[in-house]
Amino acid sequence: MKDEYSYWEKVVSDKNFPCHFGTIAEKKGDLRYFYIENHDLSPLPNVLREFLKLSRENEHNKHALVVFVQPEIPEQSFDYYENYFWNILKYLHENDEKEWNANIPTDPDDPLWEFCFDGEPIFVSANMPAYKHRITRNMGKSLILIFQPRRIFADITPKAIDLIRSKVESIENLPIHPDLGRYGDESNREWKQYIITDDNNPRKGVCPFHPKS
């Protein structure tokens, strides 16, 4: 994990990194880290529970959990990492000891849907080496999942989000991805923002995630 984290820290701490919230969180020590080795997901549910407990007890800090997956050799395809990402969320859901948050729809086609674990709505985003055009989402050789409790976004203004996306647009020399919207907007589907496509085409089809019946 040392090499993966070193690269992460170098990128996130750079003054040109587009998400200044991430840079501040890294410098303040508000980020927590975990490393998945040998495809063993079994420790992850407890790790996420402990992280959420920490986050709730320190509600004024913008804690996030960064999960590195041991790099694949050779590097795999975009579809491979995408499937891995959703399989991790499915595994967490299957090993969740609490009921789905009653205030969050279970249908990913609802604009108010968000992934939930331990009763907590969580925005989960992916970085992966298979991003060749959306380069701000390529953070080294690992598939990386970032778990952010939805409540930490409460005081982040639309203007701040637009500024971040404008910086990303400048770095990538690509238009803002059409699937990036705002939580709760009728036209937005949150799951599509977890892993955007590597080009400028909106994602088609249905969400790979299905809640337990």
Protein backbone atom coordinates (compact mmCIF):
# COMPACT_ATOMS: atom_id res chain seq x y z
CA MET A 1 0.00 0.00 0.00
CA LYS A 2 2.96 2.31 0.57
CA ASP A 3 3.51 2.99 -3.13
CA GLU A 4 -0.21 3.46 -3.85
CA TYR A 5 -0.65 5.88 -0.97
CA SER A 6 2.52 7.81 -1.83
CA TYR A 7 1.22 8.48 -5.32
CA TRP A 8 -2.21 9.39 -3.97
CA GLU A 9 -0.75 11.82 -1.42
CA LYS A 10 1.44 13.46 -4.05
CA VAL A 11 -1.50 14.06 -6.41
CA VAL A 12 -4.06 15.15 -3.80
CA SER A 13 -1.63 17.51 -2.07
CA ASP A 14 -0.66 19.25 -5.31
CA LYS A 15 -1.83 22.86 -5.47
CA ASN A 16 -3.38 22.18 -8.90
CA PHE A 17 -5.54 19.27 -7.69
CA PRO A 18 -9.08 20.34 -8.68
CA CYS A 19 -10.90 19.30 -5.48
CA HIS A 20 -9.64 21.63 -2.78
CA PHE A 21 -11.87 19.85 -0.25
CA GLY A 22 -9.85 16.69 -0.83
CA THR A 23 -6.58 18.59 -0.49
CA ILE A 24 -7.71 20.15 2.79
CA ALA A 25 -8.92 16.78 4.12
CA GLU A 26 -5.57 15.17 3.29
CA LYS A 27 -3.61 17.95 5.00
CA LYS A 28 -5.88 17.92 8.08
CA GLY A 29 -5.69 14.16 8.46
CA ASP A 30 -9.42 13.69 7.87
CA LEU A 31 -8.94 10.86 5.37
CA ARG A 32 -8.76 7.24 6.47
CA TYR A 33 -7.26 4.44 4.38
CA PHE A 34 -7.72 0.73 3.83
CA TYR A 35 -6.05 -1.72 1.45
CA ILE A 36 -7.73 -4.77 -0.10
CA GLU A 37 -5.22 -7.58 -0.69
CA ASN A 38 -5.67 -10.79 -2.67
CA HIS A 39 -9.31 -9.93 -3.46
CA ASP A 40 -10.22 -10.51 0.19
CA LEU A 41 -13.20 -8.27 0.97
CA SER A 42 -14.05 -9.90 4.30
CA PRO A 43 -12.51 -7.17 6.55
CA LEU A 44 -14.16 -4.31 4.66
CA PRO A 45 -17.65 -4.30 6.28
CA ASN A 46 -16.16 -3.87 9.76
CA VAL A 47 -13.69 -1.29 8.50
CA LEU A 48 -16.52 0.75 6.99
CA ARG A 49 -18.60 0.44 10.19
CA GLU A 50 -15.71 1.72 12.28
CA PHE A 51 -15.11 4.56 9.85
CA LEU A 52 -18.77 5.61 9.99
CA LYS A 53 -18.69 5.52 13.78
CA LEU A 54 -15.67 7.83 13.72
CA SER A 55 -17.38 10.11 11.23
CA ARG A 56 -20.57 10.39 13.32
CA GLU A 57 -18.59 11.14 16.47
CA ASN A 58 -16.74 13.95 14.66
CA GLU A 59 -19.56 15.45 12.65
CA HIS A 60 -17.75 18.75 12.02
CA ASN A 61 -14.92 16.98 10.16
CA LYS A 62 -15.27 15.96 6.53
CA HIS A 63 -13.96 12.43 6.96
CA ALA A 64 -13.74 10.13 3.96
CA LEU A 65 -12.59 6.53 3.64
CA VAL A 66 -10.21 5.78 0.77
CA VAL A 67 -10.01 2.10 -0.16
CA PHE A 68 -7.15 0.93 -2.37
CA VAL A 69 -7.47 -2.39 -4.18
CA GLN A 70 -4.21 -4.24 -4.71
CA PRO A 71 -3.07 -3.37 -8.26
CA GLU A 72 -3.78 -5.86 -11.03
CA ILE A 73 -0.80 -7.06 -13.05
CA PRO A 74 -1.22 -6.61 -15.91
CA GLU A 75 -3.56 -3.64 -15.83
CA GLN A 76 -7.15 -4.63 -16.61
CA SER A 77 -9.91 -3.14 -18.75
CA PHE A 78 -12.37 -0.43 -17.78
CA ASP A 79 -15.17 -3.01 -17.65
CA TYR A 80 -13.16 -5.19 -15.29
CA TYR A 81 -12.63 -2.40 -12.75
CA GLU A 82 -16.22 -1.25 -13.10
CA ASN A 83 -17.52 -4.74 -12.33
CA TYR A 84 -15.10 -5.01 -9.39
CA PHE A 85 -16.39 -1.72 -8.00
CA TRP A 86 -20.03 -2.80 -8.09
CA ASN A 87 -19.15 -6.21 -6.67
CA ILE A 88 -17.58 -4.48 -3.68
CA LEU A 89 -20.75 -2.48 -3.07
CA LYS A 90 -22.84 -5.63 -3.45
CA TYR A 91 -20.63 -7.44 -0.94
CA LEU A 92 -20.98 -4.61 1.55
CA HIS A 93 -24.74 -4.57 1.10
CA GLU A 94 -24.99 -8.32 1.60
CA ASN A 95 -22.99 -8.00 4.83
CA ASP A 96 -24.78 -4.96 6.18
CA GLU A 97 -26.15 -5.62 9.68
CA LYS A 98 -28.64 -2.75 9.54
CA GLU A 99 -31.71 -2.10 7.43
CA TRP A 100 -31.54 0.27 4.49
CA ASN A 101 -32.02 3.88 5.55
CA ALA A 102 -35.80 4.47 5.52
CA ASN A 103 -35.35 7.99 4.10
CA ILE A 104 -33.43 6.79 1.03
CA PRO A 105 -35.18 5.06 -1.90
CA THR A 106 -33.96 1.55 -2.67
CA ASP A 107 -34.44 2.02 -6.42
CA PRO A 108 -31.28 3.45 -8.09
CA ASP A 109 -33.52 5.00 -10.76
CA ASP A 110 -34.87 7.40 -8.14
CA PRO A 111 -32.99 10.76 -8.09
CA LEU A 112 -32.84 10.55 -4.28
CA TRP A 113 -31.15 7.13 -4.25
CA GLU A 114 -27.76 6.78 -2.63
CA PHE A 115 -25.79 3.72 -1.55
CA CYS A 116 -26.44 2.96 2.12
CA PHE A 117 -24.48 1.01 4.70
CA ASP A 118 -24.92 0.83 8.46
CA GLY A 119 -27.94 3.09 8.02
CA GLU A 120 -25.80 5.81 6.42
CA PRO A 121 -26.25 7.24 2.90
CA ILE A 122 -22.80 7.29 1.30
CA PHE A 123 -21.58 8.75 -1.97
CA VAL A 124 -19.02 6.34 -3.43
CA SER A 125 -16.74 7.32 -6.30
CA ALA A 126 -14.17 5.33 -8.23
CA ASN A 127 -10.70 6.07 -9.54
CA MET A 128 -8.91 3.57 -11.73
CA PRO A 129 -5.92 3.18 -14.05
CA ALA A 130 -8.27 2.45 -16.97
CA TYR A 131 -9.24 6.13 -17.14
CA LYS A 132 -7.20 7.42 -20.07
CA HIS A 133 -9.20 10.56 -20.93
CA ARG A 134 -10.85 11.43 -17.61
CA ILE A 135 -7.36 11.69 -16.18
CA THR A 136 -8.35 13.32 -12.89
CA ARG A 137 -9.95 9.96 -12.01
CA ASN A 138 -6.73 8.07 -12.63
CA MET A 139 -4.83 8.02 -9.33
CA GLY A 140 -2.24 5.37 -10.02
CA LYS A 141 -2.24 1.60 -10.45
CA SER A 142 -5.07 0.79 -8.02
CA LEU A 143 -8.80 0.73 -8.28
CA ILE A 144 -9.68 3.24 -5.56
CA LEU A 145 -13.06 3.66 -3.89
CA ILE A 146 -13.80 6.83 -1.93
CA PHE A 147 -16.61 6.58 0.63
CA GLN A 148 -18.07 9.94 1.66
CA PRO A 149 -21.12 10.14 3.96
CA ARG A 150 -23.73 12.26 2.20
CA ARG A 151 -24.12 14.55 5.21
CA ILE A 152 -20.62 15.99 4.75
CA PHE A 153 -21.83 17.71 1.57
CA ALA A 154 -24.54 19.67 3.42
CA ASP A 155 -22.61 22.96 3.51
CA ILE A 156 -20.94 22.64 0.11
CA THR A 157 -22.54 25.11 -2.28
CA PRO A 158 -23.41 24.50 -5.94
CA LYS A 159 -20.94 27.27 -6.77
CA ALA A 160 -18.11 25.33 -5.12
CA ILE A 161 -19.02 22.17 -7.02
CA ASP A 162 -19.16 24.12 -10.29
CA LEU A 163 -15.69 25.52 -9.59
CA ILE A 164 -14.27 22.02 -9.06
CA ARG A 165 -15.86 20.75 -12.25
CA SER A 166 -14.55 23.76 -14.16
CA LYS A 167 -11.01 22.94 -12.99
CA VAL A 168 -11.48 19.32 -14.05
CA GLU A 169 -12.69 20.49 -17.47
CA SER A 170 -9.57 22.61 -17.87
CA ILE A 171 -7.20 19.79 -16.85
CA GLU A 172 -8.83 17.10 -18.97
CA ASN A 173 -9.60 19.35 -21.92
CA LEU A 174 -13.01 17.69 -22.09
CA PRO A 175 -16.50 19.05 -21.44
CA ILE A 176 -18.01 18.38 -18.03
CA HIS A 177 -19.33 14.83 -18.15
CA PRO A 178 -23.08 14.75 -19.00
CA ASP A 179 -23.82 12.35 -16.11
CA LEU A 180 -22.55 14.77 -13.47
CA GLY A 181 -25.48 16.50 -11.84
CA ARG A 182 -26.74 17.49 -8.42
CA TYR A 183 -28.21 15.12 -5.88
CA GLY A 184 -31.98 15.14 -5.94
CA ASP A 185 -32.41 16.76 -9.35
CA GLU A 186 -35.06 14.94 -11.38
CA SER A 187 -32.65 14.50 -14.29
CA ASN A 188 -29.85 13.16 -12.09
CA ARG A 189 -29.12 9.51 -11.33
CA GLU A 190 -26.62 9.32 -8.53
CA TRP A 191 -25.26 5.88 -9.41
CA LYS A 192 -24.07 7.15 -12.79
CA GLN A 193 -21.75 9.58 -11.01
CA TYR A 194 -20.02 6.81 -9.06
CA ILE A 195 -18.18 5.66 -12.19
CA ILE A 196 -18.52 7.99 -15.14
CA THR A 197 -17.58 6.78 -18.62
CA ASP A 198 -14.09 7.56 -19.94
CA ASP A 199 -15.47 9.62 -22.82
CA ASN A 200 -18.25 12.18 -23.08
CA ASN A 201 -21.07 9.73 -23.64
CA PRO A 202 -23.78 9.40 -21.00
CA ARG A 203 -24.11 6.00 -19.39
CA LYS A 204 -26.86 3.76 -20.72
CA GLY A 205 -28.69 0.83 -19.18
CA VAL A 206 -29.67 0.15 -15.59
CA CYS A 207 -27.70 0.26 -12.37
CA PRO A 208 -25.75 -2.95 -11.62
CA PHE A 209 -26.65 -2.61 -7.94
CA HIS A 210 -29.84 -4.25 -6.67
CA PRO A 211 -30.90 -4.06 -3.02
CA LYS A 212 -31.77 -7.19 -1.05
CA SER A 213 -35.43 -8.12 -1.32
